[in-house]
């Protein structure tokens, strides 16, 4: 996965890891939002030559549950 996500994130990166779903590696990044101390989660993967991005402000374990249960066709 090379290139830019095209998203300007000013929050502090606190974790980064790979989740495998249906033999696709999904890069997950967890950020801490400075003002509220809540978490912003981002995921990126490529499928059939198309890049997909998911971003949400939620608990990291809830975000990971969504990522692991994506139906990738």
Protein backbone atom coordinates (compact mmCIF):
# COMPACT_ATOMS: atom_id res chain seq x y z
CA UNK A 1 0.00 0.00 0.00
CA UNK A 2 1.85 3.03 -1.18
CA UNK A 3 0.74 6.57 -1.73
CA UNK A 4 -1.20 9.04 0.33
CA UNK A 5 -4.55 8.52 1.96
CA UNK A 6 -5.42 12.05 0.87
CA UNK A 7 -6.64 12.90 4.36
CA UNK A 8 -5.09 15.56 6.57
CA UNK A 9 -5.05 14.16 10.11
CA UNK A 10 -3.79 16.40 12.89
CA UNK A 11 -4.54 13.94 15.67
CA UNK A 12 -1.89 11.82 17.41
CA UNK A 13 -1.35 8.35 15.90
CA UNK A 14 -1.44 5.90 18.82
CA UNK A 15 -1.65 2.51 17.06
CA UNK A 16 -1.24 0.98 13.63
CA UNK A 17 -1.72 -2.65 12.62
CA UNK A 18 -2.99 -5.03 9.93
CA UNK A 19 -6.28 -6.96 10.10
CA UNK A 20 -6.81 -9.82 7.66
CA UNK A 21 -10.30 -10.28 6.23
CA UNK A 22 -10.97 -12.82 3.47
CA UNK A 23 -7.25 -12.91 2.59
CA UNK A 24 -7.13 -9.12 2.24
CA UNK A 25 -4.80 -7.11 4.47
CA UNK A 26 -6.55 -4.07 5.91
CA UNK A 27 -4.31 -1.36 7.38
CA UNK A 28 -5.86 0.11 10.53
CA UNK A 29 -4.69 3.31 12.21
CA UNK A 30 -6.00 4.59 15.55
CA UNK A 31 -5.70 8.29 16.44
CA UNK A 32 -6.42 10.16 19.66
CA UNK A 33 -8.44 13.33 19.20
CA UNK A 34 -6.62 15.91 21.28
CA UNK A 35 -9.61 18.02 22.38
CA UNK A 36 -11.87 15.18 23.52
CA UNK A 37 -9.42 12.27 24.04
CA UNK A 38 -11.84 10.11 22.01
CA UNK A 39 -10.53 7.86 19.23
CA UNK A 40 -10.65 8.23 15.45
CA UNK A 41 -10.14 5.02 13.51
CA UNK A 42 -9.11 4.70 9.87
CA UNK A 43 -8.79 1.68 7.62
CA UNK A 44 -7.46 1.26 4.08
CA UNK A 45 -7.39 -1.71 1.74
CA UNK A 46 -7.18 -2.46 -1.97
CA UNK A 47 -9.50 -4.90 -3.70
CA UNK A 48 -9.49 -5.60 -7.45
CA UNK A 49 -7.29 -2.56 -8.05
CA UNK A 50 -9.58 -0.14 -6.19
CA UNK A 51 -8.55 1.57 -2.93
CA UNK A 52 -11.15 1.68 -0.14
CA UNK A 53 -11.07 3.92 2.94
CA UNK A 54 -13.16 3.79 6.12
CA UNK A 55 -12.95 6.44 8.85
CA UNK A 56 -14.98 6.75 12.02
CA UNK A 57 -14.92 8.26 15.48
CA UNK A 58 -15.60 5.27 17.73
CA UNK A 59 -14.01 2.82 20.12
CA UNK A 60 -11.17 0.89 18.43
CA UNK A 61 -12.62 -2.51 19.39
CA UNK A 62 -15.95 -1.61 17.76
CA UNK A 63 -14.14 -0.41 14.63
CA UNK A 64 -12.09 -3.61 14.47
CA UNK A 65 -15.30 -5.65 14.77
CA UNK A 66 -16.66 -3.81 11.71
CA UNK A 67 -13.45 -4.37 9.75
CA UNK A 68 -13.33 -8.09 10.56
CA UNK A 69 -16.95 -8.51 9.51
CA UNK A 70 -16.85 -6.61 6.20
CA UNK A 71 -18.25 -8.61 3.32
CA UNK A 72 -15.72 -8.09 0.57
CA UNK A 73 -17.04 -9.26 -2.79
